[in-house]
């Protein structure tokens, strides 16, 4: 049956693609790719020959309706981004919404994304978290950080290597230099690394070692103040001993 498939692709290690994703890519009538050159490399690695069309942030508004129309006429289309799950800090949302509004089936495969591995290996609580993706580069950046300063959940950001130091400096200023942070780079790749510590400690590390690769920054949530009731109970116990 014709539908739109959302297909996650590896964030680094090409062996992380699922068997089901490979099967869908083989069976699709064509593939929408954020960058056809990147996807061509992946398809060659997988031994798949398939027609590719560009679908990225600069043309998605113009192409979403025509893609939905093609699926409505009986085509099966797979959407991939350069790495990870389409729609998560990548093109995809607009096309999915267009298909949903047109009554077209959309099926999303589970698979690679950078935020979950970075969160889990941070050592911070994973049961509740706040994913922010990329912060605004200029307008609204400071305001958004101020809004997040009181957030008690673990907070996840994506950042480019060119802005990692600046980002950590801003986090230190707004959240406090002693707030804990975990910075992961090049996840699943040969030079994967995670640096943990206070914001001040991690900032010092990346001032000394030039940031390279793709980065995920995980900041611990603001600690909750100890309950006064709990404090008084301990004080009462101390008085009776």
C-alpha atoms as a PDB file:
ATOM      1  CA  UNK A   1       0.000   0.000   0.000  1.00  0.00           C
ATOM      2  CA  UNK A   2       1.314   3.453  -0.858  1.00  0.00           C
ATOM      3  CA  UNK A   3       2.559   5.504   2.071  1.00  0.00           C
ATOM      4  CA  UNK A   4       5.304   7.759   3.344  1.00  0.00           C
ATOM      5  CA  UNK A   5       8.038   5.989   5.301  1.00  0.00           C
ATOM      6  CA  UNK A   6      10.252   7.972   7.672  1.00  0.00           C
ATOM      7  CA  UNK A   7      13.552   6.099   7.728  1.00  0.00           C
ATOM      8  CA  UNK A   8      16.304   6.871  10.284  1.00  0.00           C
ATOM      9  CA  UNK A   9      19.859   6.513   9.007  1.00  0.00           C
ATOM     10  CA  UNK A  10      23.101   6.013  10.979  1.00  0.00           C
ATOM     11  CA  UNK A  11      24.559   9.041  12.757  1.00  0.00           C
ATOM     12  CA  UNK A  12      28.071   7.760  12.106  1.00  0.00           C
ATOM     13  CA  UNK A  13      28.670   4.020  12.070  1.00  0.00           C
ATOM     14  CA  UNK A  14      26.959   2.682   8.943  1.00  0.00           C
ATOM     15  CA  UNK A  15      26.382  -0.694  10.615  1.00  0.00           C
ATOM     16  CA  UNK A  16      23.763   0.950  12.840  1.00  0.00           C
ATOM     17  CA  UNK A  17      21.097   0.878  10.135  1.00  0.00           C
ATOM     18  CA  UNK A  18      18.296  -1.614  10.826  1.00  0.00           C
ATOM     19  CA  UNK A  19      17.379  -4.558   8.627  1.00  0.00           C
ATOM     20  CA  UNK A  20      13.878  -3.160   8.287  1.00  0.00           C
ATOM     21  CA  UNK A  21      15.211   0.213   7.147  1.00  0.00           C
ATOM     22  CA  UNK A  22      17.236  -1.520   4.437  1.00  0.00           C
ATOM     23  CA  UNK A  23      14.143  -3.425   3.307  1.00  0.00           C
ATOM     24  CA  UNK A  24      12.032  -0.250   3.098  1.00  0.00           C
ATOM     25  CA  UNK A  25      14.726   1.593   1.135  1.00  0.00           C
ATOM     26  CA  UNK A  26      14.869  -1.304  -1.322  1.00  0.00           C
ATOM     27  CA  UNK A  27      11.106  -1.415  -1.831  1.00  0.00           C
ATOM     28  CA  UNK A  28      10.364   2.323  -2.028  1.00  0.00           C
ATOM     29  CA  UNK A  29       9.563   3.754  -5.451  1.00  0.00           C
ATOM     30  CA  UNK A  30      11.978   6.556  -4.706  1.00  0.00           C
ATOM     31  CA  UNK A  31      13.831   8.181  -1.804  1.00  0.00           C
ATOM     32  CA  UNK A  32      13.727  11.777  -0.627  1.00  0.00           C
ATOM     33  CA  UNK A  33      17.128  12.806   0.721  1.00  0.00           C
ATOM     34  CA  UNK A  34      18.367  15.875   2.582  1.00  0.00           C
ATOM     35  CA  UNK A  35      21.613  15.656   0.590  1.00  0.00           C
ATOM     36  CA  UNK A  36      21.601  13.177  -2.304  1.00  0.00           C
ATOM     37  CA  UNK A  37      25.403  12.891  -2.179  1.00  0.00           C
ATOM     38  CA  UNK A  38      25.372  11.711   1.440  1.00  0.00           C
ATOM     39  CA  UNK A  39      22.513   9.290   0.823  1.00  0.00           C
ATOM     40  CA  UNK A  40      24.145   7.976  -2.358  1.00  0.00           C
ATOM     41  CA  UNK A  41      27.187   6.997  -0.302  1.00  0.00           C
ATOM     42  CA  UNK A  42      24.964   5.116   2.171  1.00  0.00           C
ATOM     43  CA  UNK A  43      22.996   3.357  -0.579  1.00  0.00           C
ATOM     44  CA  UNK A  44      26.210   2.306  -2.298  1.00  0.00           C
ATOM     45  CA  UNK A  45      27.430   0.841   0.996  1.00  0.00           C
ATOM     46  CA  UNK A  46      24.146  -1.092   1.269  1.00  0.00           C
ATOM     47  CA  UNK A  47      24.147  -2.201  -2.362  1.00  0.00           C
ATOM     48  CA  UNK A  48      20.897  -0.373  -3.142  1.00  0.00           C
ATOM     49  CA  UNK A  49      20.177   1.420  -6.408  1.00  0.00           C
ATOM     50  CA  UNK A  50      17.249   3.797  -6.162  1.00  0.00           C
ATOM     51  CA  UNK A  51      16.113   7.107  -7.630  1.00  0.00           C
ATOM     52  CA  UNK A  52      16.881  10.017  -5.292  1.00  0.00           C
ATOM     53  CA  UNK A  53      15.242  13.429  -5.048  1.00  0.00           C
ATOM     54  CA  UNK A  54      16.354  16.330  -2.872  1.00  0.00           C
ATOM     55  CA  UNK A  55      14.145  17.282   0.063  1.00  0.00           C
ATOM     56  CA  UNK A  56      15.730  19.854   2.363  1.00  0.00           C
ATOM     57  CA  UNK A  57      14.866  22.968   4.351  1.00  0.00           C
ATOM     58  CA  UNK A  58      15.247  25.212   1.308  1.00  0.00           C
ATOM     59  CA  UNK A  59      12.734  23.386  -0.917  1.00  0.00           C
ATOM     60  CA  UNK A  60      10.424  21.435   1.423  1.00  0.00           C
ATOM     61  CA  UNK A  61       7.668  24.071   1.318  1.00  0.00           C
ATOM     62  CA  UNK A  62       7.625  23.849  -2.478  1.00  0.00           C
ATOM     63  CA  UNK A  63       7.798  20.050  -2.771  1.00  0.00           C
ATOM     64  CA  UNK A  64       5.686  18.717   0.128  1.00  0.00           C
ATOM     65  CA  UNK A  65       2.375  18.983  -1.715  1.00  0.00           C
ATOM     66  CA  UNK A  66       3.682  17.311  -4.900  1.00  0.00           C
ATOM     67  CA  UNK A  67       5.210  14.448  -2.889  1.00  0.00           C
ATOM     68  CA  UNK A  68       1.927  13.913  -1.043  1.00  0.00           C
ATOM     69  CA  UNK A  69       0.111  13.912  -4.378  1.00  0.00           C
ATOM     70  CA  UNK A  70       2.483  11.260  -5.761  1.00  0.00           C
ATOM     71  CA  UNK A  71       1.904   9.040  -2.736  1.00  0.00           C
ATOM     72  CA  UNK A  72      -1.837   9.561  -3.090  1.00  0.00           C
ATOM     73  CA  UNK A  73      -1.550   8.273  -6.656  1.00  0.00           C
ATOM     74  CA  UNK A  74       0.000   5.023  -5.460  1.00  0.00           C
ATOM     75  CA  UNK A  75       3.711   5.671  -4.930  1.00  0.00           C
ATOM     76  CA  UNK A  76       5.658   4.526  -1.882  1.00  0.00           C
ATOM     77  CA  UNK A  77       8.192   7.113  -0.755  1.00  0.00           C
ATOM     78  CA  UNK A  78      10.970   6.914   1.843  1.00  0.00           C
ATOM     79  CA  UNK A  79      12.282  10.072   3.511  1.00  0.00           C
ATOM     80  CA  UNK A  80      15.798  10.131   4.968  1.00  0.00           C
ATOM     81  CA  UNK A  81      18.030  12.867   6.348  1.00  0.00           C
ATOM     82  CA  UNK A  82      21.816  12.979   6.296  1.00  0.00           C
ATOM     83  CA  UNK A  83      21.975  11.286   9.700  1.00  0.00           C
ATOM     84  CA  UNK A  84      19.489  10.259  12.361  1.00  0.00           C
ATOM     85  CA  UNK A  85      15.711  10.509  12.282  1.00  0.00           C
ATOM     86  CA  UNK A  86      14.053  12.955   9.849  1.00  0.00           C
ATOM     87  CA  UNK A  87      12.095  15.632  11.652  1.00  0.00           C
ATOM     88  CA  UNK A  88      14.441  15.742  14.653  1.00  0.00           C
ATOM     89  CA  UNK A  89      16.439  18.925  13.954  1.00  0.00           C
ATOM     90  CA  UNK A  90      16.187  17.919  10.279  1.00  0.00           C
ATOM     91  CA  UNK A  91      13.616  18.372   7.478  1.00  0.00           C
ATOM     92  CA  UNK A  92      10.557  16.141   7.734  1.00  0.00           C
ATOM     93  CA  UNK A  93       7.883  17.785   9.864  1.00  0.00           C
ATOM     94  CA  UNK A  94       6.283  19.743   7.023  1.00  0.00           C
ATOM     95  CA  UNK A  95       6.004  16.710   4.735  1.00  0.00           C
ATOM     96  CA  UNK A  96       4.574  14.533   7.505  1.00  0.00           C
ATOM     97  CA  UNK A  97       1.981  17.179   8.370  1.00  0.00           C
ATOM     98  CA  UNK A  98       1.027  17.578   4.703  1.00  0.00           C
ATOM     99  CA  UNK A  99       0.524  13.822   4.327  1.00  0.00           C
ATOM    100  CA  UNK A 100      -1.452  13.530   7.567  1.00  0.00           C
ATOM    101  CA  UNK A 101      -3.756  16.374   6.508  1.00  0.00           C
ATOM    102  CA  UNK A 102      -4.260  14.647   3.145  1.00  0.00           C
ATOM    103  CA  UNK A 103      -5.199  11.345   4.822  1.00  0.00           C
ATOM    104  CA  UNK A 104      -2.033   9.600   3.582  1.00  0.00           C
ATOM    105  CA  UNK A 105      -0.486   6.851   5.691  1.00  0.00           C
ATOM    106  CA  UNK A 106       2.783   7.768   7.407  1.00  0.00           C
ATOM    107  CA  UNK A 107       4.938   5.109   9.048  1.00  0.00           C
ATOM    108  CA  UNK A 108       8.025   5.997  11.083  1.00  0.00           C
ATOM    109  CA  UNK A 109      10.699   3.378  11.634  1.00  0.00           C
ATOM    110  CA  UNK A 110      12.640   3.317  14.901  1.00  0.00           C
ATOM    111  CA  UNK A 111      16.341   3.934  14.609  1.00  0.00           C
ATOM    112  CA  UNK A 112      19.351   6.114  15.153  1.00  0.00           C
ATOM    113  CA  UNK A 113      19.261   9.506  16.814  1.00  0.00           C
ATOM    114  CA  UNK A 114      22.083  11.279  18.648  1.00  0.00           C
ATOM    115  CA  UNK A 115      20.159  12.654  21.602  1.00  0.00           C
ATOM    116  CA  UNK A 116      19.309   9.354  23.341  1.00  0.00           C
ATOM    117  CA  UNK A 117      22.846   7.841  23.458  1.00  0.00           C
ATOM    118  CA  UNK A 118      24.227  11.183  24.692  1.00  0.00           C
ATOM    119  CA  UNK A 119      21.571  11.409  27.410  1.00  0.00           C
ATOM    120  CA  UNK A 120      21.965   7.824  28.618  1.00  0.00           C
ATOM    121  CA  UNK A 121      25.763   7.994  28.871  1.00  0.00           C
ATOM    122  CA  UNK A 122      25.707  11.408  30.556  1.00  0.00           C
ATOM    123  CA  UNK A 123      24.909   9.811  33.909  1.00  0.00           C
ATOM    124  CA  UNK A 124      22.039  12.282  34.432  1.00  0.00           C
ATOM    125  CA  UNK A 125      18.421  11.200  35.049  1.00  0.00           C
ATOM    126  CA  UNK A 126      16.841   9.836  31.851  1.00  0.00           C
ATOM    127  CA  UNK A 127      13.261   9.285  33.006  1.00  0.00           C
ATOM    128  CA  UNK A 128      12.278  12.869  32.181  1.00  0.00           C
ATOM    129  CA  UNK A 129      14.225  15.203  29.919  1.00  0.00           C
ATOM    130  CA  UNK A 130      13.934  18.323  27.776  1.00  0.00           C
ATOM    131  CA  UNK A 131      15.202  18.247  24.180  1.00  0.00           C
ATOM    132  CA  UNK A 132      16.005  21.695  22.799  1.00  0.00           C
ATOM    133  CA  UNK A 133      17.850  20.798  19.596  1.00  0.00           C
ATOM    134  CA  UNK A 134      19.811  23.756  18.225  1.00  0.00           C
ATOM    135  CA  UNK A 135      19.466  26.993  20.148  1.00  0.00           C
ATOM    136  CA  UNK A 136      18.766  30.155  18.119  1.00  0.00           C
ATOM    137  CA  UNK A 137      22.098  31.406  16.801  1.00  0.00           C
ATOM    138  CA  UNK A 138      21.411  35.053  17.594  1.00  0.00           C
ATOM    139  CA  UNK A 139      17.967  36.501  18.277  1.00  0.00           C
ATOM    140  CA  UNK A 140      16.218  34.781  21.179  1.00  0.00           C
ATOM    141  CA  UNK A 141      19.205  32.682  22.282  1.00  0.00           C
ATOM    142  CA  UNK A 142      19.824  34.465  25.600  1.00  0.00           C
ATOM    143  CA  UNK A 143      16.114  34.627  26.386  1.00  0.00           C
ATOM    144  CA  UNK A 144      15.678  30.884  25.790  1.00  0.00           C
ATOM    145  CA  UNK A 145      18.589  30.032  28.084  1.00  0.00           C
ATOM    146  CA  UNK A 146      17.115  32.241  30.795  1.00  0.00           C
ATOM    147  CA  UNK A 147      13.819  30.366  30.459  1.00  0.00           C
ATOM    148  CA  UNK A 148      15.633  27.035  30.833  1.00  0.00           C
ATOM    149  CA  UNK A 149      17.646  28.073  33.894  1.00  0.00           C
ATOM    150  CA  UNK A 150      14.918  26.813  36.244  1.00  0.00           C
ATOM    151  CA  UNK A 151      14.311  23.555  34.325  1.00  0.00           C
ATOM    152  CA  UNK A 152      14.618  20.553  36.668  1.00  0.00           C
ATOM    153  CA  UNK A 153      14.829  17.938  33.913  1.00  0.00           C
ATOM    154  CA  UNK A 154      18.009  16.995  32.046  1.00  0.00           C
ATOM    155  CA  UNK A 155      18.368  19.330  29.054  1.00  0.00           C
ATOM    156  CA  UNK A 156      19.770  18.276  25.670  1.00  0.00           C
ATOM    157  CA  UNK A 157      21.200  20.613  23.026  1.00  0.00           C
ATOM    158  CA  UNK A 158      22.735  20.049  19.609  1.00  0.00           C
ATOM    159  CA  UNK A 159      25.643  22.342  18.765  1.00  0.00           C
ATOM    160  CA  UNK A 160      28.170  22.883  15.982  1.00  0.00           C
ATOM    161  CA  UNK A 161      31.888  22.640  16.804  1.00  0.00           C
ATOM    162  CA  UNK A 162      32.264  26.341  15.987  1.00  0.00           C
ATOM    163  CA  UNK A 163      29.875  27.390  18.774  1.00  0.00           C
ATOM    164  CA  UNK A 164      30.598  24.809  21.505  1.00  0.00           C
ATOM    165  CA  UNK A 165      32.891  27.098  23.530  1.00  0.00           C
ATOM    166  CA  UNK A 166      30.526  30.037  23.189  1.00  0.00           C
ATOM    167  CA  UNK A 167      27.592  27.839  24.208  1.00  0.00           C
ATOM    168  CA  UNK A 168      29.383  26.581  27.316  1.00  0.00           C
ATOM    169  CA  UNK A 169      30.331  30.148  28.236  1.00  0.00           C
ATOM    170  CA  UNK A 170      26.688  31.170  28.000  1.00  0.00           C
ATOM    171  CA  UNK A 171      25.562  28.130  29.996  1.00  0.00           C
ATOM    172  CA  UNK A 172      28.079  29.013  32.684  1.00  0.00           C
ATOM    173  CA  UNK A 173      26.797  32.567  32.850  1.00  0.00           C
ATOM    174  CA  UNK A 174      23.110  31.638  32.996  1.00  0.00           C
ATOM    175  CA  UNK A 175      23.077  28.242  34.763  1.00  0.00           C
ATOM    176  CA  UNK A 176      26.158  28.716  36.943  1.00  0.00           C
ATOM    177  CA  UNK A 177      29.692  27.403  36.462  1.00  0.00           C
ATOM    178  CA  UNK A 178      29.168  24.499  38.880  1.00  0.00           C
ATOM    179  CA  UNK A 179      26.141  23.003  37.079  1.00  0.00           C
ATOM    180  CA  UNK A 180      27.010  19.536  35.763  1.00  0.00           C
ATOM    181  CA  UNK A 181      27.296  18.958  32.037  1.00  0.00           C
ATOM    182  CA  UNK A 182      28.151  16.089  29.694  1.00  0.00           C
ATOM    183  CA  UNK A 183      29.402  16.860  26.190  1.00  0.00           C
ATOM    184  CA  UNK A 184      29.511  14.060  23.603  1.00  0.00           C
ATOM    185  CA  UNK A 185      31.049  14.361  20.174  1.00  0.00           C
ATOM    186  CA  UNK A 186      31.293  12.091  17.125  1.00  0.00           C
ATOM    187  CA  UNK A 187      28.872   9.533  18.601  1.00  0.00           C
ATOM    188  CA  UNK A 188      29.291   6.011  17.101  1.00  0.00           C
ATOM    189  CA  UNK A 189      32.362   7.145  15.152  1.00  0.00           C
ATOM    190  CA  UNK A 190      36.057   6.291  15.519  1.00  0.00           C
ATOM    191  CA  UNK A 191      36.885   9.335  17.649  1.00  0.00           C
ATOM    192  CA  UNK A 192      33.781   9.286  19.842  1.00  0.00           C
ATOM    193  CA  UNK A 193      34.346  11.109  23.120  1.00  0.00           C
ATOM    194  CA  UNK A 194      32.315  12.239  26.127  1.00  0.00           C
ATOM    195  CA  UNK A 195      33.625  14.884  28.529  1.00  0.00           C
ATOM    196  CA  UNK A 196      31.818  15.212  31.876  1.00  0.00           C
ATOM    197  CA  UNK A 197      32.150  17.586  34.806  1.00  0.00           C
ATOM    198  CA  UNK A 198      31.064  21.045  35.882  1.00  0.00           C
ATOM    199  CA  UNK A 199      30.400  23.543  33.104  1.00  0.00           C
ATOM    200  CA  UNK A 200      33.590  25.351  34.147  1.00  0.00           C
ATOM    201  CA  UNK A 201      35.664  22.145  33.887  1.00  0.00           C
ATOM    202  CA  UNK A 202      34.264  21.116  30.511  1.00  0.00           C
ATOM    203  CA  UNK A 203      34.628  24.651  29.173  1.00  0.00           C
ATOM    204  CA  UNK A 204      38.299  24.651  30.189  1.00  0.00           C
ATOM    205  CA  UNK A 205      38.778  21.338  28.372  1.00  0.00           C
ATOM    206  CA  UNK A 206      37.395  22.616  25.070  1.00  0.00           C
ATOM    207  CA  UNK A 207      39.295  25.870  25.326  1.00  0.00           C
ATOM    208  CA  UNK A 208      42.443  23.760  25.469  1.00  0.00           C
ATOM    209  CA  UNK A 209      41.324  21.140  22.922  1.00  0.00           C
ATOM    210  CA  UNK A 210      39.762  22.495  19.724  1.00  0.00           C
ATOM    211  CA  UNK A 211      36.197  21.176  19.304  1.00  0.00           C
ATOM    212  CA  UNK A 212      35.821  18.945  16.249  1.00  0.00           C
ATOM    213  CA  UNK A 213      32.896  16.884  14.999  1.00  0.00           C
ATOM    214  CA  UNK A 214      29.184  16.823  15.809  1.00  0.00           C
ATOM    215  CA  UNK A 215      28.266  17.721  19.399  1.00  0.00           C
ATOM    216  CA  UNK A 216      25.485  16.900  21.849  1.00  0.00           C
ATOM    217  CA  UNK A 217      25.456  18.844  25.129  1.00  0.00           C
ATOM    218  CA  UNK A 218      23.508  17.444  28.076  1.00  0.00           C
ATOM    219  CA  UNK A 219      23.042  19.712  31.097  1.00  0.00           C
ATOM    220  CA  UNK A 220      21.784  18.419  34.435  1.00  0.00           C
ATOM    221  CA  UNK A 221      18.522  19.904  35.624  1.00  0.00           C
ATOM    222  CA  UNK A 222      18.457  22.495  38.376  1.00  0.00           C
ATOM    223  CA  UNK A 223      18.675  20.659  41.734  1.00  0.00           C
ATOM    224  CA  UNK A 224      15.510  20.884  43.786  1.00  0.00           C
ATOM    225  CA  UNK A 225      15.914  22.509  47.212  1.00  0.00           C
ATOM    226  CA  UNK A 226      15.751  20.141  50.145  1.00  0.00           C
ATOM    227  CA  UNK A 227      12.371  19.942  51.800  1.00  0.00           C
ATOM    228  CA  UNK A 228      12.127  21.982  55.001  1.00  0.00           C
ATOM    229  CA  UNK A 229      10.057  19.220  56.551  1.00  0.00           C
ATOM    230  CA  UNK A 230      12.764  16.681  55.841  1.00  0.00           C
ATOM    231  CA  UNK A 231      15.432  19.026  57.243  1.00  0.00           C
ATOM    232  CA  UNK A 232      13.472  19.617  60.441  1.00  0.00           C
ATOM    233  CA  UNK A 233      12.931  15.901  60.963  1.00  0.00           C
ATOM    234  CA  UNK A 234      16.677  15.280  60.847  1.00  0.00           C
ATOM    235  CA  UNK A 235      17.250  18.222  63.205  1.00  0.00           C
ATOM    236  CA  UNK A 236      14.721  16.758  65.686  1.00  0.00           C
ATOM    237  CA  UNK A 237      16.481  13.386  65.550  1.00  0.00           C
ATOM    238  CA  UNK A 238      19.801  15.069  66.292  1.00  0.00           C
ATOM    239  CA  UNK A 239      18.302  16.862  69.316  1.00  0.00           C
ATOM    240  CA  UNK A 240      17.085  13.596  70.861  1.00  0.00           C
ATOM    241  CA  UNK A 241      20.430  11.780  70.556  1.00  0.00           C
END
